[in-house]
Amino acid sequence: MFQTVGHEGISLYAEAMQLPLFQETTQGKSAHDTLHYQPQEDDEVEDLYHLLKRVKEECQVEGVSVGAILSDYQRIRVENVCSRLGLVSLAYLWQRDQKMLLKEMIESGVYAVIIKVACLGLKPSKHLGKSLEEVYPCLCELADKYGVNICGEGGEYETFTLDCPLFYKRLKIDMSSVCIHSDDEIAPVAYLKLNQLSLTEKLEATISHQPVMDHSSIYIDKLTNTTSQISREGVCTIYVVKRKAFSSF
């Protein structure tokens, strides 16, 4: 469920967005790995439950935004946690066309770099540290040839966002080192260890506090029944509240 590569920069995300930070060490593991999740105390999903419970109590949030695109495994687990906490799970990206979605992310000002590669066609020496814009043509080619998930939802790669319209400041990787996990000839696995990070100022004109909602109404009907009953105004309100909560854990 959780990405650990790049966790060194989490505290800077909170500072870049000027929002509170909630962190918890996950003690669990994927003990319940079937598609339909049932609460099990030693499962990592319960770590998420306890953290979101604390966030709800302290920040009074109403919704949680999940980035699932095609992964029922991820979406169902977040929905399970939300249903138990009385929160609304919002999956705005659900079943989006991946090529179009990644292109929109790049064009909207999300500047993210590859910090882990783990699939056929992605090379540590060539692709680690490259921006999504730089690797987009390669990802499209790999998707056409081998069925790679362009957005990396299958674990093909991981990214670290250095800037986006919600940031008041940009993140900068000052020092990093390459760690080889598997030196496989066909599909090597490697990641960037972020040894030193810093924040730099941004021009005010590049800061935006309005969530991008252009496609939300198209996909609301594909979410859970609870979500589909929310008015368009309600979804926007919950999204803004959740934006604050998401940046907090």
C-alpha atoms as a PDB file:
ATOM      1  CA  MET A   1       0.000   0.000   0.000  1.00  0.00           C
ATOM      2  CA  PHE A   2       2.728   2.474   0.923  1.00  0.00           C
ATOM      3  CA  GLN A   3       5.708   3.887  -0.923  1.00  0.00           C
ATOM      4  CA  THR A   4       8.860   4.217   1.164  1.00  0.00           C
ATOM      5  CA  VAL A   5      11.317   5.459  -1.460  1.00  0.00           C
ATOM      6  CA  GLY A   6      11.723   9.220  -1.081  1.00  0.00           C
ATOM      7  CA  HIS A   7      10.242   9.383   2.412  1.00  0.00           C
ATOM      8  CA  GLU A   8      13.165  11.624   3.419  1.00  0.00           C
ATOM      9  CA  GLY A   9      11.374  14.583   1.843  1.00  0.00           C
ATOM     10  CA  ILE A  10       7.954  14.263   3.473  1.00  0.00           C
ATOM     11  CA  SER A  11       8.548  16.995   6.039  1.00  0.00           C
ATOM     12  CA  LEU A  12       9.544  19.410   3.250  1.00  0.00           C
ATOM     13  CA  TYR A  13       6.236  18.746   1.477  1.00  0.00           C
ATOM     14  CA  ALA A  14       4.384  20.047   4.518  1.00  0.00           C
ATOM     15  CA  GLU A  15       6.598  23.125   4.650  1.00  0.00           C
ATOM     16  CA  ALA A  16       6.278  23.724   0.903  1.00  0.00           C
ATOM     17  CA  MET A  17       2.479  23.749   1.206  1.00  0.00           C
ATOM     18  CA  GLN A  18       2.429  25.478   4.620  1.00  0.00           C
ATOM     19  CA  LEU A  19       0.277  22.740   6.118  1.00  0.00           C
ATOM     20  CA  PRO A  20       0.500  20.603   9.286  1.00  0.00           C
ATOM     21  CA  LEU A  21       2.199  17.226   9.118  1.00  0.00           C
ATOM     22  CA  PHE A  22       0.955  13.971  10.599  1.00  0.00           C
ATOM     23  CA  GLN A  23       3.319  11.000  10.451  1.00  0.00           C
ATOM     24  CA  GLU A  24       3.230   7.490  11.834  1.00  0.00           C
ATOM     25  CA  THR A  25       5.608   4.579  11.491  1.00  0.00           C
ATOM     26  CA  THR A  26       3.814   1.653   9.889  1.00  0.00           C
ATOM     27  CA  GLN A  27       4.189  -1.424  12.071  1.00  0.00           C
ATOM     28  CA  GLY A  28       2.063  -3.757  10.007  1.00  0.00           C
ATOM     29  CA  LYS A  29       2.397  -5.734   6.797  1.00  0.00           C
ATOM     30  CA  SER A  30       0.080  -6.922   4.078  1.00  0.00           C
ATOM     31  CA  ALA A  31      -1.473  -9.680   6.172  1.00  0.00           C
ATOM     32  CA  HIS A  32      -4.790  -9.679   4.309  1.00  0.00           C
ATOM     33  CA  ASP A  33      -3.841  -9.701   0.625  1.00  0.00           C
ATOM     34  CA  THR A  34      -7.100 -10.763  -1.008  1.00  0.00           C
ATOM     35  CA  LEU A  35      -8.976  -8.179  -3.079  1.00  0.00           C
ATOM     36  CA  HIS A  36     -11.822  -7.541  -0.617  1.00  0.00           C
ATOM     37  CA  TYR A  37     -10.295  -6.356   2.626  1.00  0.00           C
ATOM     38  CA  GLN A  38     -11.415  -7.379   6.094  1.00  0.00           C
ATOM     39  CA  PRO A  39      -9.896  -5.480   9.046  1.00  0.00           C
ATOM     40  CA  GLN A  40      -7.005  -7.365  10.610  1.00  0.00           C
ATOM     41  CA  GLU A  41      -4.997  -5.710  13.370  1.00  0.00           C
ATOM     42  CA  ASP A  42      -1.546  -6.670  12.072  1.00  0.00           C
ATOM     43  CA  ASP A  43      -2.265  -5.445   8.520  1.00  0.00           C
ATOM     44  CA  GLU A  44      -0.691  -2.216   7.250  1.00  0.00           C
ATOM     45  CA  VAL A  45      -4.139  -0.870   6.361  1.00  0.00           C
ATOM     46  CA  GLU A  46      -4.889  -0.579  10.079  1.00  0.00           C
ATOM     47  CA  ASP A  47      -1.912   1.765  10.427  1.00  0.00           C
ATOM     48  CA  LEU A  48      -3.632   4.012   7.900  1.00  0.00           C
ATOM     49  CA  TYR A  49      -6.903   3.695   9.835  1.00  0.00           C
ATOM     50  CA  HIS A  50      -5.339   4.847  13.121  1.00  0.00           C
ATOM     51  CA  LEU A  51      -3.489   7.748  11.463  1.00  0.00           C
ATOM     52  CA  LEU A  52      -6.566   9.004   9.595  1.00  0.00           C
ATOM     53  CA  LYS A  53      -8.589   8.679  12.794  1.00  0.00           C
ATOM     54  CA  ARG A  54      -6.154  11.065  14.462  1.00  0.00           C
ATOM     55  CA  VAL A  55      -6.198  13.443  11.480  1.00  0.00           C
ATOM     56  CA  LYS A  56     -10.010  13.493  11.527  1.00  0.00           C
ATOM     57  CA  GLU A  57     -10.121  14.234  15.243  1.00  0.00           C
ATOM     58  CA  GLU A  58      -7.575  17.044  15.077  1.00  0.00           C
ATOM     59  CA  CYS A  59      -8.397  18.602  11.699  1.00  0.00           C
ATOM     60  CA  GLN A  60     -12.083  17.709  11.306  1.00  0.00           C
ATOM     61  CA  VAL A  61     -11.694  16.522   7.716  1.00  0.00           C
ATOM     62  CA  GLU A  62     -14.609  14.987   5.826  1.00  0.00           C
ATOM     63  CA  GLY A  63     -13.027  13.263   2.832  1.00  0.00           C
ATOM     64  CA  VAL A  64      -9.953  11.412   1.626  1.00  0.00           C
ATOM     65  CA  SER A  65      -8.554  11.660  -1.895  1.00  0.00           C
ATOM     66  CA  VAL A  66      -7.130   8.391  -3.212  1.00  0.00           C
ATOM     67  CA  GLY A  67      -4.908   8.322  -6.290  1.00  0.00           C
ATOM     68  CA  ALA A  68      -6.041   4.912  -7.566  1.00  0.00           C
ATOM     69  CA  ILE A  69      -6.453   4.739 -11.339  1.00  0.00           C
ATOM     70  CA  LEU A  70      -7.065   1.043 -12.028  1.00  0.00           C
ATOM     71  CA  SER A  71      -6.063  -0.569  -8.714  1.00  0.00           C
ATOM     72  CA  ASP A  72      -9.115  -2.040  -6.985  1.00  0.00           C
ATOM     73  CA  TYR A  73      -6.737  -3.334  -4.309  1.00  0.00           C
ATOM     74  CA  GLN A  74      -5.790   0.204  -3.261  1.00  0.00           C
ATOM     75  CA  ARG A  75      -9.200   1.815  -3.775  1.00  0.00           C
ATOM     76  CA  ILE A  76     -11.105  -0.840  -1.817  1.00  0.00           C
ATOM     77  CA  ARG A  77      -8.773  -0.558   1.174  1.00  0.00           C
ATOM     78  CA  VAL A  78      -9.060   3.216   1.362  1.00  0.00           C
ATOM     79  CA  GLU A  79     -12.844   2.935   1.019  1.00  0.00           C
ATOM     80  CA  ASN A  80     -12.888   0.394   3.855  1.00  0.00           C
ATOM     81  CA  VAL A  81     -10.967   2.745   6.146  1.00  0.00           C
ATOM     82  CA  CYS A  82     -13.146   5.709   5.166  1.00  0.00           C
ATOM     83  CA  SER A  83     -16.406   3.837   5.742  1.00  0.00           C
ATOM     84  CA  ARG A  84     -15.329   2.943   9.274  1.00  0.00           C
ATOM     85  CA  LEU A  85     -14.347   6.535  10.038  1.00  0.00           C
ATOM     86  CA  GLY A  86     -17.360   8.195   8.434  1.00  0.00           C
ATOM     87  CA  LEU A  87     -15.223   9.794   5.726  1.00  0.00           C
ATOM     88  CA  VAL A  88     -15.900  10.048   1.999  1.00  0.00           C
ATOM     89  CA  SER A  89     -13.413   8.367  -0.326  1.00  0.00           C
ATOM     90  CA  LEU A  90     -12.840  10.401  -3.491  1.00  0.00           C
ATOM     91  CA  ALA A  91     -11.172   8.663  -6.437  1.00  0.00           C
ATOM     92  CA  TYR A  92     -11.011  11.436  -9.010  1.00  0.00           C
ATOM     93  CA  LEU A  93      -8.531   9.579 -11.204  1.00  0.00           C
ATOM     94  CA  TRP A  94     -10.477   6.323 -11.311  1.00  0.00           C
ATOM     95  CA  GLN A  95     -10.355   4.612 -14.736  1.00  0.00           C
ATOM     96  CA  ARG A  96      -8.849   7.635 -16.448  1.00  0.00           C
ATOM     97  CA  ASP A  97      -6.920   7.070 -19.670  1.00  0.00           C
ATOM     98  CA  GLN A  98      -3.337   6.881 -18.401  1.00  0.00           C
ATOM     99  CA  LYS A  99      -1.637   8.569 -21.340  1.00  0.00           C
ATOM    100  CA  MET A 100      -4.017  11.501 -21.148  1.00  0.00           C
ATOM    101  CA  LEU A 101      -3.811  11.665 -17.356  1.00  0.00           C
ATOM    102  CA  LEU A 102      -0.019  11.760 -17.200  1.00  0.00           C
ATOM    103  CA  LYS A 103       0.068  14.341 -19.973  1.00  0.00           C
ATOM    104  CA  GLU A 104      -2.385  16.525 -18.018  1.00  0.00           C
ATOM    105  CA  MET A 105      -0.274  16.211 -14.869  1.00  0.00           C
ATOM    106  CA  ILE A 106       2.793  17.435 -16.732  1.00  0.00           C
ATOM    107  CA  GLU A 107       0.928  20.265 -18.443  1.00  0.00           C
ATOM    108  CA  SER A 108      -0.688  21.393 -15.173  1.00  0.00           C
ATOM    109  CA  GLY A 109       2.709  22.180 -13.667  1.00  0.00           C
ATOM    110  CA  VAL A 110       3.481  19.008 -11.704  1.00  0.00           C
ATOM    111  CA  TYR A 111       7.264  18.680 -11.854  1.00  0.00           C
ATOM    112  CA  ALA A 112       8.175  15.207 -10.618  1.00  0.00           C
ATOM    113  CA  VAL A 113      11.298  13.139 -11.154  1.00  0.00           C
ATOM    114  CA  ILE A 114      11.825   9.384 -11.342  1.00  0.00           C
ATOM    115  CA  ILE A 115      13.396   8.102  -8.115  1.00  0.00           C
ATOM    116  CA  LYS A 116      12.852   4.358  -8.626  1.00  0.00           C
ATOM    117  CA  VAL A 117      12.787   2.096 -11.689  1.00  0.00           C
ATOM    118  CA  ALA A 118      11.562  -1.498 -11.617  1.00  0.00           C
ATOM    119  CA  CYS A 119      10.447  -2.648 -15.037  1.00  0.00           C
ATOM    120  CA  LEU A 120      11.574  -3.701 -18.474  1.00  0.00           C
ATOM    121  CA  GLY A 121      12.823  -0.714 -20.484  1.00  0.00           C
ATOM    122  CA  LEU A 122      13.651   1.623 -17.596  1.00  0.00           C
ATOM    123  CA  LYS A 123      17.373   1.858 -16.829  1.00  0.00           C
ATOM    124  CA  PRO A 124      18.888   3.280 -13.610  1.00  0.00           C
ATOM    125  CA  SER A 125      21.701   5.043 -15.471  1.00  0.00           C
ATOM    126  CA  LYS A 126      19.338   6.565 -18.018  1.00  0.00           C
ATOM    127  CA  HIS A 127      16.059   7.311 -16.259  1.00  0.00           C
ATOM    128  CA  LEU A 128      16.689   7.932 -12.545  1.00  0.00           C
ATOM    129  CA  GLY A 129      16.439  11.661 -11.840  1.00  0.00           C
ATOM    130  CA  LYS A 130      14.657  12.411 -15.120  1.00  0.00           C
ATOM    131  CA  SER A 131      11.415  14.401 -15.077  1.00  0.00           C
ATOM    132  CA  LEU A 132       8.075  12.915 -16.105  1.00  0.00           C
ATOM    133  CA  GLU A 133       8.093  15.194 -19.117  1.00  0.00           C
ATOM    134  CA  GLU A 134      11.450  13.781 -20.219  1.00  0.00           C
ATOM    135  CA  VAL A 135      10.409  10.134 -19.845  1.00  0.00           C
ATOM    136  CA  TYR A 136       6.837  10.506 -21.127  1.00  0.00           C
ATOM    137  CA  PRO A 137       7.661   9.402 -24.724  1.00  0.00           C
ATOM    138  CA  CYS A 138       9.554   6.384 -23.374  1.00  0.00           C
ATOM    139  CA  LEU A 139       6.667   5.406 -21.069  1.00  0.00           C
ATOM    140  CA  CYS A 140       4.189   5.619 -23.947  1.00  0.00           C
ATOM    141  CA  GLU A 141       6.436   3.384 -26.046  1.00  0.00           C
ATOM    142  CA  LEU A 142       6.793   0.836 -23.220  1.00  0.00           C
ATOM    143  CA  ALA A 143       3.023   0.818 -22.734  1.00  0.00           C
ATOM    144  CA  ASP A 144       2.439   0.099 -26.417  1.00  0.00           C
ATOM    145  CA  LYS A 145       5.108  -2.619 -26.563  1.00  0.00           C
ATOM    146  CA  TYR A 146       4.792  -4.358 -23.201  1.00  0.00           C
ATOM    147  CA  GLY A 147       1.623  -3.089 -21.526  1.00  0.00           C
ATOM    148  CA  VAL A 148       3.475  -1.051 -18.909  1.00  0.00           C
ATOM    149  CA  ASN A 149       1.275   1.151 -16.709  1.00  0.00           C
ATOM    150  CA  ILE A 150       2.240   4.620 -17.914  1.00  0.00           C
ATOM    151  CA  CYS A 151       1.424   6.184 -14.552  1.00  0.00           C
ATOM    152  CA  GLY A 152       3.491   3.554 -12.704  1.00  0.00           C
ATOM    153  CA  GLU A 153       0.567   2.117 -10.763  1.00  0.00           C
ATOM    154  CA  GLY A 154       1.954  -1.378 -11.212  1.00  0.00           C
ATOM    155  CA  GLY A 155       5.174  -0.423  -9.423  1.00  0.00           C
ATOM    156  CA  GLU A 156       7.073   0.156 -12.678  1.00  0.00           C
ATOM    157  CA  TYR A 157       8.536   3.358 -11.248  1.00  0.00           C
ATOM    158  CA  GLU A 158       8.163   5.814  -8.383  1.00  0.00           C
ATOM    159  CA  THR A 159       8.394   9.591  -8.500  1.00  0.00           C
ATOM    160  CA  PHE A 160       9.189  12.474  -6.181  1.00  0.00           C
ATOM    161  CA  THR A 161       7.429  15.792  -6.789  1.00  0.00           C
ATOM    162  CA  LEU A 162       9.714  18.810  -6.644  1.00  0.00           C
ATOM    163  CA  ASP A 163       7.133  21.414  -7.600  1.00  0.00           C
ATOM    164  CA  CYS A 164       3.447  21.823  -8.365  1.00  0.00           C
ATOM    165  CA  PRO A 165       0.920  24.698  -8.304  1.00  0.00           C
ATOM    166  CA  LEU A 166       0.033  23.948  -4.652  1.00  0.00           C
ATOM    167  CA  PHE A 167       3.588  24.527  -3.424  1.00  0.00           C
ATOM    168  CA  TYR A 168       4.630  27.875  -1.979  1.00  0.00           C
ATOM    169  CA  LYS A 169       8.243  26.745  -2.372  1.00  0.00           C
ATOM    170  CA  ARG A 170      10.077  24.358  -4.690  1.00  0.00           C
ATOM    171  CA  LEU A 171      11.991  21.348  -3.447  1.00  0.00           C
ATOM    172  CA  LYS A 172      15.549  20.812  -4.628  1.00  0.00           C
ATOM    173  CA  ILE A 173      17.609  17.620  -4.511  1.00  0.00           C
ATOM    174  CA  ASP A 174      21.059  18.795  -3.406  1.00  0.00           C
ATOM    175  CA  MET A 175      22.664  15.384  -2.969  1.00  0.00           C
ATOM    176  CA  SER A 176      21.553  11.894  -3.935  1.00  0.00           C
ATOM    177  CA  SER A 177      23.011   8.449  -4.493  1.00  0.00           C
ATOM    178  CA  VAL A 178      21.897   5.485  -6.599  1.00  0.00           C
ATOM    179  CA  CYS A 179      21.083   2.264  -4.746  1.00  0.00           C
ATOM    180  CA  ILE A 180      20.905  -0.909  -6.835  1.00  0.00           C
ATOM    181  CA  HIS A 181      18.368  -3.348  -5.418  1.00  0.00           C
ATOM    182  CA  SER A 182      18.531  -5.879  -8.263  1.00  0.00           C
ATOM    183  CA  ASP A 183      21.073  -5.726 -11.077  1.00  0.00           C
ATOM    184  CA  ASP A 184      18.899  -7.768 -13.414  1.00  0.00           C
ATOM    185  CA  GLU A 185      19.888  -7.540 -17.084  1.00  0.00           C
ATOM    186  CA  ILE A 186      16.308  -7.254 -18.334  1.00  0.00           C
ATOM    187  CA  ALA A 187      14.542  -5.328 -15.587  1.00  0.00           C
ATOM    188  CA  PRO A 188      16.959  -3.836 -13.036  1.00  0.00           C
ATOM    189  CA  VAL A 189      15.538  -2.366  -9.843  1.00  0.00           C
ATOM    190  CA  ALA A 190      17.207   0.739  -8.432  1.00  0.00           C
ATOM    191  CA  TYR A 191      16.293   3.901  -6.550  1.00  0.00           C
ATOM    192  CA  LEU A 192      17.641   7.301  -5.633  1.00  0.00           C
ATOM    193  CA  LYS A 193      18.424   7.880  -1.981  1.00  0.00           C
ATOM    194  CA  LEU A 194      17.737  11.551  -1.301  1.00  0.00           C
ATOM    195  CA  ASN A 195      20.683  12.428   0.910  1.00  0.00           C
ATOM    196  CA  GLN A 196      20.085  16.176   1.072  1.00  0.00           C
ATOM    197  CA  LEU A 197      17.066  18.284   0.134  1.00  0.00           C
ATOM    198  CA  SER A 198      16.273  21.977   0.407  1.00  0.00           C
ATOM    199  CA  LEU A 199      13.494  24.455  -0.349  1.00  0.00           C
ATOM    200  CA  THR A 200      13.778  27.419  -2.719  1.00  0.00           C
ATOM    201  CA  GLU A 201      11.488  30.392  -3.173  1.00  0.00           C
ATOM    202  CA  LYS A 202       8.941  30.582  -6.014  1.00  0.00           C
ATOM    203  CA  LEU A 203       7.513  33.520  -7.892  1.00  0.00           C
ATOM    204  CA  GLU A 204       4.030  34.342  -6.597  1.00  0.00           C
ATOM    205  CA  ALA A 205       2.647  34.000 -10.122  1.00  0.00           C
ATOM    206  CA  THR A 206       3.519  30.295 -10.135  1.00  0.00           C
ATOM    207  CA  ILE A 207       1.536  29.520  -6.974  1.00  0.00           C
ATOM    208  CA  SER A 208      -2.062  28.370  -7.342  1.00  0.00           C
ATOM    209  CA  HIS A 209      -4.417  27.359  -4.543  1.00  0.00           C
ATOM    210  CA  GLN A 210      -7.314  26.233  -6.708  1.00  0.00           C
ATOM    211  CA  PRO A 211      -7.719  22.453  -7.136  1.00  0.00           C
ATOM    212  CA  VAL A 212      -7.928  21.200 -10.710  1.00  0.00           C
ATOM    213  CA  MET A 213     -11.489  19.911 -11.116  1.00  0.00           C
ATOM    214  CA  ASP A 214     -11.905  19.893 -14.903  1.00  0.00           C
ATOM    215  CA  HIS A 215     -12.731  16.200 -15.136  1.00  0.00           C
ATOM    216  CA  SER A 216     -14.280  15.529 -11.724  1.00  0.00           C
ATOM    217  CA  SER A 217     -17.899  15.537 -12.863  1.00  0.00           C
ATOM    218  CA  ILE A 218     -17.177  12.908 -15.527  1.00  0.00           C
ATOM    219  CA  TYR A 219     -15.942  10.340 -13.027  1.00  0.00           C
ATOM    220  CA  ILE A 220     -18.048  11.020  -9.949  1.00  0.00           C
ATOM    221  CA  ASP A 221     -20.670   8.498 -11.105  1.00  0.00           C
ATOM    222  CA  LYS A 222     -18.028   5.751 -11.176  1.00  0.00           C
ATOM    223  CA  LEU A 223     -17.195   6.133  -7.481  1.00  0.00           C
ATOM    224  CA  THR A 224     -19.043   4.619  -4.541  1.00  0.00           C
ATOM    225  CA  ASN A 225     -22.747   5.266  -4.040  1.00  0.00           C
ATOM    226  CA  THR A 226     -22.021   7.587  -1.139  1.00  0.00           C
ATOM    227  CA  THR A 227     -19.742   9.729  -3.248  1.00  0.00           C
ATOM    228  CA  SER A 228     -22.058   9.851  -6.241  1.00  0.00           C
ATOM    229  CA  GLN A 229     -24.812  11.346  -4.081  1.00  0.00           C
ATOM    230  CA  ILE A 230     -22.715  14.391  -3.152  1.00  0.00           C
ATOM    231  CA  SER A 231     -23.508  17.602  -4.978  1.00  0.00           C
ATOM    232  CA  ARG A 232     -20.866  19.144  -7.236  1.00  0.00           C
ATOM    233  CA  GLU A 233     -20.431  21.990  -4.747  1.00  0.00           C
ATOM    234  CA  GLY A 234     -20.027  19.467  -1.920  1.00  0.00           C
ATOM    235  CA  VAL A 235     -17.341  17.561  -3.767  1.00  0.00           C
ATOM    236  CA  CYS A 236     -15.345  20.731  -4.324  1.00  0.00           C
ATOM    237  CA  THR A 237     -15.617  21.647  -0.659  1.00  0.00           C
ATOM    238  CA  ILE A 238     -14.562  18.202   0.509  1.00  0.00           C
ATOM    239  CA  TYR A 239     -11.714  18.162  -1.987  1.00  0.00           C
ATOM    240  CA  VAL A 240     -10.297  21.388  -0.593  1.00  0.00           C
ATOM    241  CA  VAL A 241     -10.557  20.065   2.955  1.00  0.00           C
ATOM    242  CA  LYS A 242      -8.953  16.785   1.911  1.00  0.00           C
ATOM    243  CA  ARG A 243      -6.155  18.592   0.113  1.00  0.00           C
ATOM    244  CA  LYS A 244      -5.103  19.898   3.488  1.00  0.00           C
ATOM    245  CA  ALA A 245      -5.397  16.489   5.116  1.00  0.00           C
ATOM    246  CA  PHE A 246      -3.582  14.641   2.334  1.00  0.00           C
ATOM    247  CA  SER A 247      -0.583  16.890   2.651  1.00  0.00           C
ATOM    248  CA  SER A 248      -0.559  16.120   6.349  1.00  0.00           C
ATOM    249  CA  PHE A 249       0.344  12.427   6.273  1.00  0.00           C
END
